[in-house]
């Protein structure tokens, strides 16, 4: 089953964070770049 989510990526002074929009108990991804944060949140939600 494929589930689609909107992912918010925010730039902070020490890197990027990403989280799925509108989900309770979200898994946050982190990274030094936009792409790293996005891949981190995607891999965490596939686990």
N, C-alpha and C. Protein backbone atom coordinates (compact mmCIF):
# COMPACT_ATOMS: atom_id res chain seq x y z
N UNK A 1 0.84 -1.18 0.00
CA UNK A 1 0.00 0.00 0.00
C UNK A 1 0.88 1.25 0.00
N UNK A 2 0.64 2.12 -0.92
CA UNK A 2 1.40 3.37 -1.02
C UNK A 2 0.66 4.46 -0.26
N UNK A 3 1.40 5.17 0.58
CA UNK A 3 0.83 6.30 1.31
C UNK A 3 1.61 7.55 0.94
N UNK A 4 0.91 8.62 0.62
CA UNK A 4 1.53 9.87 0.23
C UNK A 4 1.38 10.89 1.35
N UNK A 5 2.45 11.62 1.62
CA UNK A 5 2.44 12.66 2.64
C UNK A 5 3.13 13.89 2.11
N UNK A 6 2.66 15.04 2.53
CA UNK A 6 3.39 16.28 2.28
C UNK A 6 4.47 16.36 3.34
N UNK A 7 5.66 16.75 2.94
CA UNK A 7 6.78 16.86 3.87
C UNK A 7 7.22 18.32 3.93
N UNK A 8 7.33 18.84 5.14
CA UNK A 8 7.80 20.20 5.36
C UNK A 8 9.29 20.13 5.66
N UNK A 9 10.07 20.94 4.96
CA UNK A 9 11.52 21.02 5.22
C UNK A 9 11.81 22.47 5.62
N UNK A 10 12.43 22.61 6.78
CA UNK A 10 12.75 23.95 7.30
C UNK A 10 14.27 24.11 7.43
N UNK A 11 14.74 25.30 7.07
CA UNK A 11 16.16 25.60 7.23
C UNK A 11 16.36 26.30 8.57
N UNK A 12 17.30 25.78 9.35
CA UNK A 12 17.66 26.36 10.63
C UNK A 12 19.13 26.73 10.59
N UNK A 13 19.59 27.45 11.59
CA UNK A 13 20.98 27.91 11.59
C UNK A 13 21.99 26.76 11.61
N UNK A 14 21.58 25.61 12.13
CA UNK A 14 22.52 24.48 12.22
C UNK A 14 22.19 23.34 11.26
N UNK A 15 21.32 23.57 10.29
CA UNK A 15 21.00 22.54 9.31
C UNK A 15 19.53 22.59 8.92
N UNK A 16 19.02 21.46 8.45
CA UNK A 16 17.65 21.36 7.99
C UNK A 16 16.90 20.31 8.80
N UNK A 17 15.60 20.51 8.98
CA UNK A 17 14.74 19.50 9.59
C UNK A 17 13.56 19.27 8.65
N UNK A 18 13.04 18.04 8.67
CA UNK A 18 11.91 17.69 7.82
C UNK A 18 10.93 16.85 8.63
N UNK A 19 9.64 17.06 8.34
CA UNK A 19 8.62 16.28 9.02
C UNK A 19 7.38 16.19 8.15
N UNK A 20 6.65 15.08 8.26
CA UNK A 20 5.42 14.94 7.48
C UNK A 20 4.33 15.85 8.03
N UNK A 21 3.68 16.59 7.17
CA UNK A 21 2.66 17.56 7.54
C UNK A 21 1.39 16.85 8.04
N UNK A 22 0.90 17.28 9.19
CA UNK A 22 -0.40 16.84 9.67
C UNK A 22 -0.45 15.49 10.36
N UNK A 23 0.68 14.90 10.66
CA UNK A 23 0.66 13.59 11.32
C UNK A 23 0.98 13.74 12.80
N UNK A 24 0.24 13.03 13.62
CA UNK A 24 0.55 13.02 15.05
C UNK A 24 1.68 12.03 15.28
N UNK A 25 2.56 12.35 16.23
CA UNK A 25 3.71 11.48 16.50
C UNK A 25 4.67 11.44 15.33
N UNK A 26 4.91 12.60 14.75
CA UNK A 26 5.73 12.67 13.54
C UNK A 26 7.16 12.22 13.78
N UNK A 27 7.76 11.75 12.72
CA UNK A 27 9.18 11.42 12.72
C UNK A 27 9.89 12.56 12.04
N UNK A 28 10.88 13.12 12.68
CA UNK A 28 11.59 14.26 12.13
C UNK A 28 12.89 13.78 11.50
N UNK A 29 13.16 14.28 10.32
CA UNK A 29 14.43 14.01 9.66
C UNK A 29 15.33 15.21 9.81
N UNK A 30 16.61 14.96 9.86
CA UNK A 30 17.59 16.03 10.00
C UNK A 30 18.71 15.84 9.00
N UNK A 31 19.36 16.93 8.63
CA UNK A 31 20.51 16.83 7.74
C UNK A 31 21.19 18.17 7.56
N UNK A 32 22.38 18.12 7.00
CA UNK A 32 23.12 19.34 6.72
C UNK A 32 22.62 20.04 5.46
N UNK A 33 21.92 19.28 4.60
CA UNK A 33 21.36 19.85 3.37
C UNK A 33 19.87 19.51 3.30
N UNK A 34 19.18 20.21 2.42
CA UNK A 34 17.76 19.95 2.16
C UNK A 34 17.54 18.48 1.80
N UNK A 35 18.35 17.98 0.90
CA UNK A 35 18.21 16.60 0.41
C UNK A 35 18.44 15.58 1.52
N UNK A 36 19.43 15.81 2.38
CA UNK A 36 19.70 14.89 3.49
C UNK A 36 18.52 14.82 4.45
N UNK A 37 17.94 15.96 4.77
CA UNK A 37 16.80 15.99 5.69
C UNK A 37 15.60 15.29 5.08
N UNK A 38 15.36 15.51 3.80
CA UNK A 38 14.24 14.88 3.12
C UNK A 38 14.42 13.37 3.05
N UNK A 39 15.60 12.90 2.73
CA UNK A 39 15.86 11.46 2.68
C UNK A 39 15.76 10.83 4.06
N UNK A 40 16.18 11.55 5.10
CA UNK A 40 16.12 11.04 6.46
C UNK A 40 14.67 10.83 6.90
N UNK A 41 13.81 11.80 6.63
CA UNK A 41 12.40 11.65 7.03
C UNK A 41 11.71 10.57 6.21
N UNK A 42 12.07 10.44 4.94
CA UNK A 42 11.49 9.38 4.11
C UNK A 42 11.90 8.01 4.62
N UNK A 43 13.17 7.82 4.94
CA UNK A 43 13.63 6.51 5.41
C UNK A 43 13.04 6.17 6.77
N UNK A 44 12.85 7.17 7.61
CA UNK A 44 12.28 6.92 8.94
C UNK A 44 10.82 6.50 8.81
N UNK A 45 10.09 7.06 7.88
CA UNK A 45 8.68 6.72 7.72
C UNK A 45 8.48 5.38 7.01
N UNK A 46 9.51 4.85 6.35
CA UNK A 46 9.43 3.55 5.70
C UNK A 46 9.77 2.42 6.65
N UNK A 47 10.30 2.74 7.81
CA UNK A 47 10.72 1.70 8.76
C UNK A 47 9.54 1.06 9.43
